Amino acid sequence: MPEGSTHRPPARPRLLGPGASPPSCYVDVAGMPWETSKFPGIRHKLLYSDPATGMSTLLFRLEPGAVVPLHEHTGVEMTYVLEGSLEDEEGSCTAGNFVWRPAGNTHEARAPNGALILGVFMRPNHFAAGQKFFTAPDAG
């Protein structure tokens, strides 16, 4: 749509159910502030969150040497590394590569040289020391 336009095209009908197709949700990621976490050297932007299911998508910035402490995945986690690398005892995921972890996978992740990653979580992780997941209201 041209800038300043208030016209919205009519909603397209759904293919698999009655009614109109729900609208897309565009997120201005560049315009969002980075949120600090309780984990030193890790900031994030919450791009999507569904409190009913626990599904979330976050953009993470990890400073060199940052560590995501020991945690267990309670659902599938998918990570795409945009810059740097994310490492654990099983391997290293470098820029332009993808790693996914099944529910039950337990590890500690490190970014020795820093990283920018996109993470998709089906459900929040459980941290060994009791820290809250990034989407929790008081996670900080």
N, C-alpha and C. Protein backbone atom coordinates (compact mmCIF):
# COMPACT_ATOMS: atom_id res chain seq x y z
N MET A 1 0.84 -1.17 0.00
CA MET A 1 0.00 0.00 0.00
C MET A 1 0.89 1.24 0.00
N PRO A 2 0.58 2.26 -0.77
CA PRO A 2 1.39 3.47 -0.77
C PRO A 2 1.39 4.13 0.61
N GLU A 3 2.53 4.79 0.94
CA GLU A 3 2.65 5.45 2.23
C GLU A 3 1.53 6.48 2.40
N GLY A 4 0.94 6.51 3.57
CA GLY A 4 -0.13 7.46 3.86
C GLY A 4 -1.50 6.97 3.42
N SER A 5 -1.57 5.85 2.72
CA SER A 5 -2.84 5.35 2.24
C SER A 5 -3.64 4.74 3.39
N THR A 6 -4.92 5.02 3.43
CA THR A 6 -5.78 4.43 4.45
C THR A 6 -6.69 3.37 3.84
N HIS A 7 -6.60 3.18 2.56
CA HIS A 7 -7.42 2.19 1.88
C HIS A 7 -6.89 0.80 2.16
N ARG A 8 -7.80 -0.09 2.53
CA ARG A 8 -7.46 -1.50 2.73
C ARG A 8 -8.23 -2.32 1.73
N PRO A 9 -7.55 -3.22 1.03
CA PRO A 9 -8.30 -4.06 0.09
C PRO A 9 -9.30 -4.93 0.83
N PRO A 10 -10.36 -5.34 0.17
CA PRO A 10 -11.34 -6.19 0.85
C PRO A 10 -10.69 -7.51 1.28
N ALA A 11 -11.15 -8.05 2.39
CA ALA A 11 -10.61 -9.30 2.90
C ALA A 11 -10.92 -10.45 1.95
N ARG A 12 -9.95 -11.28 1.73
CA ARG A 12 -10.11 -12.45 0.87
C ARG A 12 -10.85 -13.51 1.68
N PRO A 13 -11.76 -14.25 1.06
CA PRO A 13 -12.44 -15.32 1.80
C PRO A 13 -11.48 -16.47 2.11
N ARG A 14 -11.70 -17.11 3.24
CA ARG A 14 -10.89 -18.28 3.61
C ARG A 14 -11.17 -19.43 2.67
N LEU A 15 -10.20 -20.34 2.53
CA LEU A 15 -10.38 -21.52 1.70
C LEU A 15 -10.93 -22.70 2.48
N LEU A 16 -10.56 -22.78 3.77
CA LEU A 16 -10.91 -23.97 4.55
C LEU A 16 -11.97 -23.72 5.61
N GLY A 17 -12.57 -22.57 5.61
CA GLY A 17 -13.59 -22.28 6.60
C GLY A 17 -14.40 -21.08 6.19
N PRO A 18 -15.47 -20.82 6.91
CA PRO A 18 -16.32 -19.68 6.57
C PRO A 18 -15.66 -18.36 6.98
N GLY A 19 -16.08 -17.30 6.36
CA GLY A 19 -15.64 -15.97 6.75
C GLY A 19 -14.42 -15.48 5.99
N ALA A 20 -13.99 -14.31 6.41
CA ALA A 20 -12.87 -13.65 5.75
C ALA A 20 -11.54 -14.13 6.33
N SER A 21 -10.52 -14.05 5.52
CA SER A 21 -9.18 -14.38 5.96
C SER A 21 -8.72 -13.37 7.00
N PRO A 22 -8.18 -13.82 8.14
CA PRO A 22 -7.67 -12.87 9.13
C PRO A 22 -6.49 -12.10 8.54
N PRO A 23 -6.29 -10.86 8.94
CA PRO A 23 -5.19 -10.08 8.36
C PRO A 23 -3.82 -10.53 8.87
N SER A 24 -2.80 -10.27 8.06
CA SER A 24 -1.41 -10.52 8.47
C SER A 24 -1.02 -9.49 9.52
N CYS A 25 -0.01 -9.80 10.30
CA CYS A 25 0.51 -8.88 11.31
C CYS A 25 1.96 -8.57 10.97
N TYR A 26 2.22 -7.36 10.49
CA TYR A 26 3.57 -6.94 10.14
C TYR A 26 4.24 -6.32 11.37
N VAL A 27 5.48 -6.70 11.61
CA VAL A 27 6.21 -6.25 12.79
C VAL A 27 7.39 -5.39 12.35
N ASP A 28 7.48 -4.19 12.90
CA ASP A 28 8.59 -3.28 12.62
C ASP A 28 9.75 -3.63 13.56
N VAL A 29 10.50 -4.66 13.19
CA VAL A 29 11.56 -5.17 14.06
C VAL A 29 12.64 -4.11 14.28
N ALA A 30 13.02 -3.41 13.22
CA ALA A 30 14.06 -2.38 13.34
C ALA A 30 13.64 -1.28 14.31
N GLY A 31 12.36 -0.99 14.40
CA GLY A 31 11.85 0.06 15.27
C GLY A 31 11.62 -0.38 16.71
N MET A 32 11.75 -1.67 16.98
CA MET A 32 11.53 -2.18 18.34
C MET A 32 12.79 -2.01 19.18
N PRO A 33 12.63 -1.67 20.46
CA PRO A 33 13.82 -1.61 21.33
C PRO A 33 14.27 -3.01 21.71
N TRP A 34 15.56 -3.16 21.98
CA TRP A 34 16.08 -4.41 22.52
C TRP A 34 15.71 -4.48 24.00
N GLU A 35 15.21 -5.63 24.44
CA GLU A 35 14.89 -5.86 25.85
C GLU A 35 16.09 -6.56 26.50
N THR A 36 16.41 -6.19 27.72
CA THR A 36 17.48 -6.88 28.42
C THR A 36 16.91 -8.11 29.11
N SER A 37 17.75 -9.10 29.31
CA SER A 37 17.31 -10.31 30.00
C SER A 37 18.10 -10.44 31.30
N LYS A 38 17.73 -11.42 32.09
CA LYS A 38 18.46 -11.68 33.33
C LYS A 38 19.75 -12.44 33.06
N PHE A 39 19.97 -12.81 31.81
CA PHE A 39 21.19 -13.52 31.43
C PHE A 39 22.18 -12.50 30.89
N PRO A 40 23.35 -12.36 31.52
CA PRO A 40 24.33 -11.35 31.09
C PRO A 40 24.69 -11.47 29.61
N GLY A 41 24.67 -10.33 28.93
CA GLY A 41 25.08 -10.29 27.54
C GLY A 41 24.05 -10.75 26.54
N ILE A 42 22.79 -10.95 26.98
CA ILE A 42 21.75 -11.40 26.06
C ILE A 42 20.59 -10.41 26.06
N ARG A 43 20.28 -9.90 24.87
CA ARG A 43 19.13 -9.03 24.67
C ARG A 43 18.21 -9.69 23.65
N HIS A 44 16.94 -9.28 23.64
CA HIS A 44 16.00 -9.90 22.71
C HIS A 44 14.90 -8.93 22.30
N LYS A 45 14.26 -9.29 21.19
CA LYS A 45 13.05 -8.61 20.71
C LYS A 45 12.00 -9.71 20.55
N LEU A 46 10.88 -9.54 21.21
CA LEU A 46 9.78 -10.51 21.12
C LEU A 46 8.96 -10.19 19.88
N LEU A 47 9.03 -11.06 18.88
CA LEU A 47 8.34 -10.82 17.61
C LEU A 47 6.94 -11.42 17.58
N TYR A 48 6.77 -12.53 18.31
CA TYR A 48 5.47 -13.20 18.35
C TYR A 48 5.36 -13.98 19.65
N SER A 49 4.19 -13.95 20.26
CA SER A 49 3.95 -14.73 21.46
C SER A 49 2.48 -15.11 21.54
N ASP A 50 2.23 -16.37 21.82
CA ASP A 50 0.87 -16.85 22.04
C ASP A 50 0.82 -17.43 23.45
N PRO A 51 0.35 -16.64 24.42
CA PRO A 51 0.31 -17.13 25.81
C PRO A 51 -0.51 -18.41 25.99
N ALA A 52 -1.50 -18.64 25.14
CA ALA A 52 -2.34 -19.83 25.28
C ALA A 52 -1.56 -21.11 25.00
N THR A 53 -0.62 -21.07 24.04
CA THR A 53 0.13 -22.28 23.67
C THR A 53 1.58 -22.23 24.15
N GLY A 54 2.10 -21.04 24.41
CA GLY A 54 3.50 -20.87 24.78
C GLY A 54 4.41 -20.68 23.59
N MET A 55 3.86 -20.74 22.37
CA MET A 55 4.69 -20.56 21.18
C MET A 55 5.19 -19.12 21.11
N SER A 56 6.45 -18.97 20.71
CA SER A 56 7.01 -17.63 20.58
C SER A 56 8.12 -17.60 19.54
N THR A 57 8.37 -16.40 19.02
CA THR A 57 9.47 -16.15 18.10
C THR A 57 10.22 -14.95 18.64
N LEU A 58 11.54 -15.09 18.80
CA LEU A 58 12.36 -14.01 19.34
C LEU A 58 13.61 -13.82 18.50
N LEU A 59 14.03 -12.57 18.41
CA LEU A 59 15.32 -12.22 17.83
C LEU A 59 16.25 -11.97 19.00
N PHE A 60 17.37 -12.67 19.04
CA PHE A 60 18.33 -12.55 20.14
C PHE A 60 19.63 -11.94 19.67
N ARG A 61 20.19 -11.07 20.49
CA ARG A 61 21.55 -10.56 20.30
C ARG A 61 22.37 -11.04 21.49
N LEU A 62 23.37 -11.88 21.22
CA LEU A 62 24.25 -12.39 22.27
C LEU A 62 25.62 -11.74 22.10
N GLU A 63 26.09 -11.12 23.14
CA GLU A 63 27.42 -10.50 23.12
C GLU A 63 28.47 -11.60 23.17
N PRO A 64 29.71 -11.32 22.73
CA PRO A 64 30.76 -12.34 22.80
C PRO A 64 30.90 -12.90 24.21
N GLY A 65 30.90 -14.23 24.31
CA GLY A 65 31.03 -14.91 25.59
C GLY A 65 29.72 -15.15 26.32
N ALA A 66 28.60 -14.66 25.79
CA ALA A 66 27.30 -14.85 26.45
C ALA A 66 26.94 -16.34 26.51
N VAL A 67 26.25 -16.70 27.59
CA VAL A 67 25.85 -18.09 27.81
C VAL A 67 24.35 -18.14 28.13
N VAL A 68 23.65 -19.04 27.45
CA VAL A 68 22.26 -19.36 27.81
C VAL A 68 22.39 -20.53 28.78
N PRO A 69 22.09 -20.32 30.07
CA PRO A 69 22.35 -21.35 31.07
C PRO A 69 21.60 -22.66 30.81
N LEU A 70 22.03 -23.68 31.53
CA LEU A 70 21.46 -25.02 31.37
C LEU A 70 19.93 -24.97 31.39
N HIS A 71 19.34 -25.57 30.35
CA HIS A 71 17.88 -25.59 30.23
C HIS A 71 17.44 -26.82 29.44
N GLU A 72 16.16 -27.15 29.61
CA GLU A 72 15.55 -28.25 28.85
C GLU A 72 14.46 -27.67 27.97
N HIS A 73 14.41 -28.16 26.74
CA HIS A 73 13.36 -27.74 25.81
C HIS A 73 12.09 -28.54 26.08
N THR A 74 10.99 -27.85 26.32
CA THR A 74 9.73 -28.52 26.63
C THR A 74 8.89 -28.73 25.37
N GLY A 75 9.39 -28.23 24.26
CA GLY A 75 8.79 -28.40 22.94
C GLY A 75 9.90 -28.18 21.93
N VAL A 76 9.61 -28.36 20.67
CA VAL A 76 10.63 -28.15 19.63
C VAL A 76 11.09 -26.70 19.65
N GLU A 77 12.40 -26.51 19.49
CA GLU A 77 12.99 -25.18 19.34
C GLU A 77 13.71 -25.17 18.00
N MET A 78 13.54 -24.08 17.22
CA MET A 78 14.22 -23.93 15.95
C MET A 78 15.02 -22.64 15.98
N THR A 79 16.29 -22.69 15.57
CA THR A 79 17.16 -21.53 15.61
C THR A 79 17.86 -21.33 14.28
N TYR A 80 17.76 -20.12 13.74
CA TYR A 80 18.49 -19.74 12.53
C TYR A 80 19.52 -18.69 12.96
N VAL A 81 20.78 -18.94 12.66
CA VAL A 81 21.86 -18.04 13.05
C VAL A 81 22.10 -17.04 11.91
N LEU A 82 21.90 -15.77 12.21
CA LEU A 82 22.09 -14.70 11.22
C LEU A 82 23.53 -14.19 11.21
N GLU A 83 24.13 -14.09 12.40
CA GLU A 83 25.51 -13.64 12.54
C GLU A 83 26.17 -14.44 13.65
N GLY A 84 27.48 -14.64 13.56
CA GLY A 84 28.22 -15.30 14.62
C GLY A 84 27.95 -16.79 14.68
N SER A 85 27.98 -17.34 15.90
CA SER A 85 27.72 -18.77 16.07
C SER A 85 27.13 -19.03 17.45
N LEU A 86 26.38 -20.13 17.53
CA LEU A 86 25.81 -20.60 18.78
C LEU A 86 26.32 -22.03 18.95
N GLU A 87 26.94 -22.32 20.10
CA GLU A 87 27.59 -23.60 20.30
C GLU A 87 27.13 -24.27 21.58
N ASP A 88 27.19 -25.61 21.56
CA ASP A 88 26.99 -26.40 22.76
C ASP A 88 27.82 -27.66 22.63
N GLU A 89 27.66 -28.59 23.57
CA GLU A 89 28.47 -29.81 23.54
C GLU A 89 28.18 -30.70 22.35
N GLU A 90 27.07 -30.47 21.65
CA GLU A 90 26.72 -31.30 20.49
C GLU A 90 27.26 -30.73 19.18
N GLY A 91 27.58 -29.43 19.15
CA GLY A 91 28.07 -28.86 17.90
C GLY A 91 27.99 -27.35 17.87
N SER A 92 28.23 -26.81 16.68
CA SER A 92 28.23 -25.37 16.47
C SER A 92 27.35 -25.02 15.28
N CYS A 93 26.48 -24.04 15.46
CA CYS A 93 25.63 -23.57 14.38
C CYS A 93 26.14 -22.18 14.01
N THR A 94 26.62 -22.03 12.78
CA THR A 94 27.24 -20.80 12.32
C THR A 94 26.30 -19.99 11.45
N ALA A 95 26.70 -18.75 11.14
CA ALA A 95 25.87 -17.83 10.34
C ALA A 95 25.39 -18.50 9.05
N GLY A 96 24.10 -18.36 8.81
CA GLY A 96 23.49 -18.94 7.62
C GLY A 96 23.03 -20.37 7.80
N ASN A 97 23.20 -20.92 9.00
CA ASN A 97 22.81 -22.30 9.26
C ASN A 97 21.70 -22.37 10.30
N PHE A 98 21.13 -23.56 10.42
CA PHE A 98 19.91 -23.79 11.19
C PHE A 98 20.10 -25.01 12.07
N VAL A 99 19.57 -24.94 13.29
CA VAL A 99 19.55 -26.09 14.18
C VAL A 99 18.18 -26.17 14.83
N TRP A 100 17.68 -27.39 14.99
CA TRP A 100 16.44 -27.56 15.77
C TRP A 100 16.69 -28.62 16.81
N ARG A 101 15.99 -28.46 17.91
CA ARG A 101 16.14 -29.36 19.04
C ARG A 101 14.77 -29.89 19.44
N PRO A 102 14.68 -31.21 19.71
CA PRO A 102 13.40 -31.79 20.11
C PRO A 102 13.10 -31.51 21.58
N ALA A 103 11.85 -31.68 21.94
CA ALA A 103 11.47 -31.60 23.35
C ALA A 103 12.32 -32.59 24.12
N GLY A 104 12.78 -32.17 25.30
CA GLY A 104 13.61 -33.03 26.13
C GLY A 104 15.09 -32.74 25.98
N ASN A 105 15.50 -32.11 24.88
CA ASN A 105 16.92 -31.79 24.69
C ASN A 105 17.35 -30.84 25.80
N THR A 106 18.45 -31.17 26.45
CA THR A 106 18.96 -30.40 27.58
C THR A 106 20.38 -29.97 27.28
N HIS A 107 20.65 -28.67 27.35
CA HIS A 107 21.99 -28.18 27.02
C HIS A 107 22.21 -26.78 27.57
N GLU A 108 23.46 -26.32 27.43
CA GLU A 108 23.86 -24.95 27.74
C GLU A 108 24.45 -24.41 26.45
N ALA A 109 23.96 -23.28 25.97
CA ALA A 109 24.42 -22.71 24.70
C ALA A 109 25.34 -21.52 24.95
N ARG A 110 26.35 -21.38 24.09
CA ARG A 110 27.32 -20.30 24.22
C ARG A 110 27.49 -19.60 22.88
N ALA A 111 27.86 -18.32 22.96
CA ALA A 111 28.18 -17.54 21.76
C ALA A 111 29.58 -16.96 21.97
N PRO A 112 30.63 -17.76 21.70
CA PRO A 112 31.99 -17.31 22.02
C PRO A 112 32.38 -15.99 21.35
N ASN A 113 31.88 -15.76 20.14
CA ASN A 113 32.22 -14.53 19.41
C ASN A 113 31.00 -13.63 19.21
N GLY A 114 29.93 -13.91 19.93
CA GLY A 114 28.69 -13.16 19.77
C GLY A 114 27.82 -13.80 18.70
N ALA A 115 26.55 -13.42 18.67
CA ALA A 115 25.62 -13.98 17.69
C ALA A 115 24.35 -13.14 17.60
N LEU A 116 23.74 -13.20 16.43
CA LEU A 116 22.39 -12.68 16.20
C LEU A 116 21.60 -13.87 15.69
N ILE A 117 20.57 -14.27 16.44
CA ILE A 117 19.82 -15.48 16.09
C ILE A 117 18.32 -15.24 16.14
N LEU A 118 17.61 -15.99 15.32
CA LEU A 118 16.15 -16.00 15.33
C LEU A 118 15.73 -17.34 15.92
N GLY A 119 14.99 -17.29 17.03
CA GLY A 119 14.56 -18.51 17.69
C GLY A 119 13.05 -18.65 17.67
N VAL A 120 12.58 -19.85 17.35
CA VAL A 120 11.15 -20.16 17.36
C VAL A 120 10.96 -21.29 18.37
N PHE A 121 10.11 -21.05 19.36
CA PHE A 121 9.87 -21.99 20.45
C PHE A 121 8.41 -22.42 20.44
N MET A 122 8.18 -23.74 20.48
CA MET A 122 6.80 -24.24 20.56
C MET A 122 6.25 -24.05 21.96
N ARG A 123 7.15 -24.14 22.97
CA ARG A 123 6.79 -23.91 24.37
C ARG A 123 8.01 -23.35 25.08
N PRO A 124 7.82 -22.63 26.19
CA PRO A 124 8.96 -22.05 26.90
C PRO A 124 9.92 -23.11 27.44
N ASN A 125 11.21 -22.77 27.46
CA ASN A 125 12.23 -23.65 28.05
C ASN A 125 12.10 -23.67 29.57
N HIS A 126 12.63 -24.74 30.17
CA HIS A 126 12.71 -24.85 31.62
C HIS A 126 14.18 -24.73 32.01
N PHE A 127 14.53 -23.69 32.78
CA PHE A 127 15.92 -23.47 33.18
C PHE A 127 16.22 -24.17 34.49
N ALA A 128 17.40 -24.81 34.56
CA ALA A 128 17.80 -25.61 35.72
C ALA A 128 17.81 -24.80 37.01
N ALA A 129 18.23 -23.53 36.94
CA ALA A 129 18.33 -22.71 38.15
C ALA A 129 17.03 -21.95 38.44
N GLY A 130 15.96 -22.26 37.70
CA GLY A 130 14.66 -21.65 37.97
C GLY A 130 14.40 -20.31 37.31
N GLN A 131 15.31 -19.84 36.46
CA GLN A 131 15.06 -18.56 35.77
C GLN A 131 13.82 -18.67 34.90
N LYS A 132 13.18 -17.53 34.68
CA LYS A 132 11.99 -17.49 33.84
C LYS A 132 12.39 -17.42 32.37
N PHE A 133 11.53 -17.99 31.49
CA PHE A 133 11.75 -17.89 30.05
C PHE A 133 11.56 -16.44 29.62
N PHE A 134 12.12 -16.07 28.50
CA PHE A 134 12.12 -14.69 28.00
C PHE A 134 10.73 -14.08 27.86
N THR A 135 9.71 -14.90 27.60
CA THR A 135 8.36 -14.38 27.41
C THR A 135 7.56 -14.26 28.71
N ALA A 136 8.11 -14.76 29.82
CA ALA A 136 7.40 -14.67 31.10
C ALA A 136 7.28 -13.22 31.53
N PRO A 137 6.13 -12.82 32.11
CA PRO A 137 5.91 -11.42 32.49
C PRO A 137 7.01 -10.83 33.36
N ASP A 138 7.60 -11.59 34.24
CA ASP A 138 8.62 -11.06 35.14
C ASP A 138 10.02 -11.58 34.80
N ALA A 139 10.23 -11.97 33.51
CA ALA A 139 11.51 -12.54 33.12
C ALA A 139 12.62 -11.48 33.09
N GLY A 140 12.25 -10.22 32.83
CA GLY A 140 13.23 -9.13 32.84
C GLY A 140 14.29 -9.24 31.81
